[in-house]
Structure formats: structure tokens, C-alpha cells
Amino acid sequence: MHSKEKISPIPEMRRINRLHFVGIGGAGMSGIAEVLLNQGYRITGSDVRKSTNTDRLKSLGAKIFLEHNAKHVEKADVVVYSSAIDSKNPEIKAAINDSKPLIKRAEMLAELMRYRYSIAIAGTHGKTTTTSIVASVLAAGGLDPTFVIGGLLNSTASNAKLGQSRYLVAEADESDASFMHLQPMVTVVTNIEADHMETYGGDFERLKKYFVDFLHNLPFYGL
């Protein structure tokens, strides 16, 4: 695929038109929402407070609600939620009651990565910096990558961008073990330290095993 070939909407999501994000103001959620918005999907989202992320999404055409209410998911084809959202959230309960597809943030990121040459950056420290560096290097090389980062990339003043090449660079979050949903072509693990241990039952060996298993998500021809 030529580096400048335009990326079309996700092939398996052609019947999907409208996605609602519960907790859309989070760094990871807002980045995914922005990429999908720029692919032509209709995006709505809710959060408990206004932020630079919600303001940016609103300026790009997303409809943002600064409260959680069951009526917000009525027209959604899919509901995406972050790990910070409680199962008692009215929008989550409404999605379940209406039998709407309800997927985690990392699962949506995995769908974005599925049809691209994807690079996932994991590790306890340095994920955001390393992801930013990789995205910047690819951009400087004329490869125009899509990226989803947990912080702002100075050159774009955004934490996400829909590029026009097959490359996608994403920060992989181990805090809730959701990085196990990702199946990248290239994986970088910056380091592993005892962090977010509540997710891993306080067992550092279990944490390390998750990272090893994450590396095993690579295809045999991956890096």
C-alpha cells in the first residue's frame, strides 16, 4: 500500500454510522473518537466535566453532553466506554437494556489497528513520550501516520490524528490489562515496574506474564 493512500472507514463497520463514547473526555477515549470522527462516523459522547479534549471534539463536529443520561445512547449503533466508567452508569445500563453493542475503549482501538500496520507502545514509564517520538519520526519521514497518544503531540497540538497512510501508532494501556485486546504488527515495551498492582492481584510475576502474553499477540512475522 502506498504511504499516501487514503484510509477508508473500517471495512467491517460499514453498517455502523453513529458511535457514543461514555467518558469521552479521557485521553485515550477522545483520541479514538477523533480518529473515527475524521473517518466520517457520527460521534456523540458524554462526560462529567468540560475539558480541552471535549472542546476539541466539539469543534470537530462531535456532539458532547456534560452529564450521563440514558437518552444519550438512544440513537447510537455502538456504545464505547472507558475502564473508569462504573457498570451502574445510566448510559451503560441503557445500552445493555437496548441490546446495543457495548465495547471497551481498547477493543475499539484494536479495530482501528486491525486494518493498518500498527505499532503499539507499552510499559510502565515513557509510553506517551515514546509513542510521540515514533509518530513524529514517521511523520518527518513523510509517512503520515495515524496516532492515538495519552498526551498532546506538540507538532499537532492534539493527542490523535487520522493519517493518510497504513501506519498507526498507539499507546497501549496496561493499567486495566486492556492492552491484551491489541494485536499490533510491532510492539515496544519500554520497561516494567510494579504499578497498577490492584489489576494484577498485587502479584508482580502476574504483571510480567501479562506483558509477555501481550508480546505473544504479535504475528510470527511481527517485530
Protein backbone atom coordinates (compact mmCIF):
# COMPACT_ATOMS: atom_id res chain seq x y z
CA MET A 1 0.00 0.00 0.00
CA HIS A 2 1.37 3.41 -0.95
CA SER A 3 2.15 5.59 2.07
CA LYS A 4 -0.24 8.32 0.86
CA GLU A 5 -3.20 6.06 0.07
CA LYS A 6 -6.32 7.31 1.80
CA ILE A 7 -7.61 5.13 4.64
CA SER A 8 -11.33 4.41 4.29
CA PRO A 9 -13.76 3.67 7.13
CA ILE A 10 -13.23 0.35 8.88
CA PRO A 11 -14.39 -2.37 6.41
CA GLU A 12 -16.32 -4.42 8.96
CA MET A 13 -18.02 -1.31 10.38
CA ARG A 14 -19.77 -0.11 7.23
CA ARG A 15 -23.21 -0.71 8.77
CA ILE A 16 -22.20 1.44 11.75
CA ASN A 17 -22.94 5.14 11.49
CA ARG A 18 -23.17 6.58 14.99
CA LEU A 19 -20.93 5.78 17.97
CA HIS A 20 -21.43 7.07 21.50
CA PHE A 21 -18.48 7.35 23.93
CA VAL A 22 -19.16 7.20 27.67
CA GLY A 23 -16.33 9.14 29.33
CA ILE A 24 -15.29 10.79 26.08
CA GLY A 25 -13.06 13.38 27.76
CA GLY A 26 -10.36 10.88 28.73
CA ALA A 27 -7.09 10.99 26.79
CA GLY A 28 -7.48 7.54 25.26
CA MET A 29 -11.20 7.87 24.58
CA SER A 30 -11.00 11.32 23.00
CA GLY A 31 -8.19 10.23 20.69
CA ILE A 32 -10.12 7.25 19.35
CA ALA A 33 -13.24 9.39 18.98
CA GLU A 34 -11.29 11.98 16.97
CA VAL A 35 -9.88 9.39 14.56
CA LEU A 36 -13.34 7.89 13.98
CA LEU A 37 -14.87 11.35 13.60
CA ASN A 38 -12.34 12.17 10.89
CA GLN A 39 -13.19 8.90 9.14
CA GLY A 40 -16.74 10.08 8.71
CA TYR A 41 -18.51 8.41 11.63
CA ARG A 42 -21.03 10.41 13.65
CA ILE A 43 -19.71 10.75 17.19
CA THR A 44 -21.53 11.63 20.39
CA GLY A 45 -20.10 11.42 23.86
CA SER A 46 -20.67 12.22 27.49
CA ASP A 47 -18.52 13.22 30.42
CA VAL A 48 -18.99 14.84 33.80
CA ARG A 49 -16.96 17.94 33.01
CA LYS A 50 -15.83 20.14 30.16
CA SER A 51 -12.19 19.88 29.10
CA THR A 52 -9.82 20.78 26.29
CA ASN A 53 -10.49 17.32 24.86
CA THR A 54 -14.27 17.76 24.82
CA ASP A 55 -13.89 21.28 23.40
CA ARG A 56 -11.68 19.99 20.59
CA LEU A 57 -14.08 17.17 19.70
CA LYS A 58 -17.00 19.59 19.72
CA SER A 59 -15.12 21.90 17.35
CA LEU A 60 -14.59 18.94 15.01
CA GLY A 61 -18.28 18.12 14.91
CA ALA A 62 -18.90 15.73 17.79
CA LYS A 63 -21.97 16.23 19.98
CA ILE A 64 -20.87 16.40 23.62
CA PHE A 65 -23.07 16.01 26.71
CA LEU A 66 -21.74 17.16 30.09
CA GLU A 67 -23.76 14.61 32.03
CA HIS A 68 -24.59 10.91 31.85
CA ASN A 69 -28.16 10.20 30.80
CA ALA A 70 -29.78 7.09 29.31
CA LYS A 71 -31.31 9.11 26.47
CA HIS A 72 -27.85 9.90 25.10
CA VAL A 73 -27.44 6.36 23.72
CA GLU A 74 -30.87 6.09 22.06
CA LYS A 75 -29.59 6.73 18.53
CA ALA A 76 -26.19 5.07 18.93
CA ASP A 77 -25.29 1.99 16.88
CA VAL A 78 -22.39 1.22 19.23
CA VAL A 79 -21.50 2.38 22.74
CA VAL A 80 -17.82 2.63 23.72
CA TYR A 81 -16.80 3.03 27.36
CA SER A 82 -13.62 3.50 29.36
CA SER A 83 -12.44 1.49 32.34
CA ALA A 84 -13.22 4.49 34.55
CA ILE A 85 -16.96 4.06 33.92
CA ASP A 86 -18.98 2.15 36.52
CA SER A 87 -21.36 -0.59 35.42
CA LYS A 88 -24.17 1.33 37.16
CA ASN A 89 -23.76 4.26 34.78
CA PRO A 90 -27.19 5.03 33.26
CA GLU A 91 -25.84 5.02 29.71
CA ILE A 92 -24.21 1.63 30.19
CA LYS A 93 -27.43 0.23 31.66
CA ALA A 94 -29.46 1.69 28.78
CA ALA A 95 -27.14 0.17 26.19
CA ILE A 96 -27.49 -3.24 27.84
CA ASN A 97 -31.28 -2.92 28.07
CA ASP A 98 -31.48 -1.96 24.39
CA SER A 99 -29.09 -4.79 23.35
CA LYS A 100 -26.68 -2.32 21.77
CA PRO A 101 -23.07 -3.41 21.17
CA LEU A 102 -21.13 -2.27 24.25
CA ILE A 103 -17.37 -2.35 23.84
CA LYS A 104 -14.34 -1.28 25.83
CA ARG A 105 -12.04 1.51 24.71
CA ALA A 106 -9.22 -0.94 23.98
CA GLU A 107 -11.48 -3.09 21.82
CA MET A 108 -12.31 -0.05 19.68
CA LEU A 109 -8.62 0.78 19.43
CA ALA A 110 -7.98 -2.81 18.35
CA GLU A 111 -10.46 -2.35 15.50
CA LEU A 112 -8.64 0.79 14.36
CA MET A 113 -5.38 -1.17 14.40
CA ARG A 114 -6.71 -4.26 12.63
CA TYR A 115 -6.53 -2.87 9.10
CA ARG A 116 -3.28 -0.95 9.47
CA TYR A 117 0.41 -1.59 10.02
CA SER A 118 0.11 -0.90 13.72
CA ILE A 119 2.77 -0.10 16.30
CA ALA A 120 1.86 -0.40 20.00
CA ILE A 121 3.95 1.20 22.75
CA ALA A 122 3.58 -0.37 26.21
CA GLY A 123 5.44 -0.10 29.51
CA THR A 124 5.19 1.38 32.97
CA HIS A 125 7.05 4.61 32.17
CA GLY A 126 7.70 6.51 28.95
CA LYS A 127 4.75 5.28 26.88
CA THR A 128 3.49 8.72 25.93
CA THR A 129 6.95 10.08 25.16
CA THR A 130 7.95 7.05 23.10
CA THR A 131 4.66 6.98 21.20
CA SER A 132 5.08 10.68 20.44
CA ILE A 133 8.64 10.15 19.19
CA VAL A 134 7.65 7.25 16.91
CA ALA A 135 4.70 9.21 15.48
CA SER A 136 6.92 12.26 14.92
CA VAL A 137 9.67 10.25 13.21
CA LEU A 138 7.18 8.60 10.86
CA ALA A 139 5.61 11.98 10.09
CA ALA A 140 9.03 13.54 9.43
CA GLY A 141 9.74 10.67 7.04
CA GLY A 142 6.64 11.54 5.03
CA LEU A 143 4.65 8.50 6.16
CA ASP A 144 1.77 10.50 7.70
CA PRO A 145 0.75 8.00 10.42
CA THR A 146 -2.49 7.80 12.33
CA PHE A 147 -1.73 8.09 16.04
CA VAL A 148 -3.55 7.83 19.36
CA ILE A 149 -1.49 9.08 22.30
CA GLY A 150 -2.18 9.62 26.00
CA GLY A 151 -0.93 13.20 25.81
CA LEU A 152 -0.64 16.09 23.37
CA LEU A 153 1.82 15.87 20.50
CA ASN A 154 3.35 19.35 20.28
CA SER A 155 3.60 19.38 16.49
CA THR A 156 -0.16 18.87 16.10
CA ALA A 157 -1.47 20.20 19.46
CA SER A 158 -3.58 17.05 19.64
CA ASN A 159 -3.46 13.56 21.14
CA ALA A 160 -4.75 11.94 17.95
CA LYS A 161 -4.69 12.33 14.18
CA LEU A 162 -6.07 10.39 11.23
CA GLY A 163 -3.16 9.96 8.85
CA GLN A 164 -3.38 9.03 5.18
CA SER A 165 -1.02 6.05 5.29
CA ARG A 166 -1.31 2.48 6.51
CA TYR A 167 0.71 3.22 9.67
CA LEU A 168 -0.90 3.59 13.10
CA VAL A 169 0.96 4.30 16.34
CA ALA A 170 -0.84 3.85 19.64
CA GLU A 171 -0.14 3.93 23.34
CA ALA A 172 -1.05 0.57 24.92
CA ASP A 173 -2.52 0.82 28.43
CA GLU A 174 -1.65 -1.87 30.97
CA SER A 175 -3.43 -0.20 33.90
CA ASP A 176 -6.54 -2.35 33.45
CA ALA A 177 -4.90 -5.10 31.34
CA SER A 178 -6.87 -3.83 28.33
CA PHE A 179 -3.74 -3.88 26.16
CA MET A 180 -4.36 -7.60 25.77
CA HIS A 181 -7.06 -6.74 23.20
CA LEU A 182 -4.44 -5.28 20.85
CA GLN A 183 -2.77 -7.28 18.09
CA PRO A 184 -0.15 -4.96 16.60
CA MET A 185 2.47 -5.65 13.96
CA VAL A 186 5.22 -4.03 16.05
CA THR A 187 5.39 -3.86 19.85
CA VAL A 188 7.67 -1.77 22.06
CA VAL A 189 7.85 -2.36 25.83
CA THR A 190 9.76 0.48 27.45
CA ASN A 191 10.06 -1.06 30.95
CA ILE A 192 8.08 -2.97 33.56
CA GLU A 193 7.69 -1.88 37.19
CA ALA A 194 5.18 -2.57 39.95
CA ASP A 195 2.34 -0.23 39.02
CA HIS A 196 -1.46 -0.64 38.89
CA MET A 197 -0.95 -3.72 41.01
CA GLU A 198 -4.62 -3.81 42.01
CA THR A 199 -5.34 -5.05 38.48
CA TYR A 200 -2.89 -7.91 38.91
CA GLY A 201 -3.81 -9.01 42.42
CA GLY A 202 -0.66 -7.44 43.87
CA ASP A 203 1.42 -10.08 42.06
CA PHE A 204 4.39 -8.66 40.12
CA GLU A 205 5.01 -12.01 38.41
CA ARG A 206 1.46 -11.90 37.10
CA LEU A 207 2.05 -8.39 35.78
CA LYS A 208 5.18 -9.57 33.96
CA LYS A 209 3.28 -12.52 32.50
CA TYR A 210 0.68 -10.17 31.05
CA PHE A 211 3.42 -8.24 29.29
CA VAL A 212 4.88 -11.48 27.94
CA ASP A 213 1.44 -12.57 26.74
CA PHE A 214 0.99 -9.15 25.13
CA LEU A 215 4.20 -9.70 23.17
CA HIS A 216 2.82 -13.06 22.08
CA ASN A 217 -0.08 -11.21 20.43
CA LEU A 218 2.36 -10.35 17.66
CA PRO A 219 2.07 -12.40 14.46
CA PHE A 220 5.01 -14.65 13.68
CA TYR A 221 6.28 -12.03 11.21
CA GLY A 222 5.87 -9.16 13.68
CA LEU A 223 8.58 -7.20 15.44
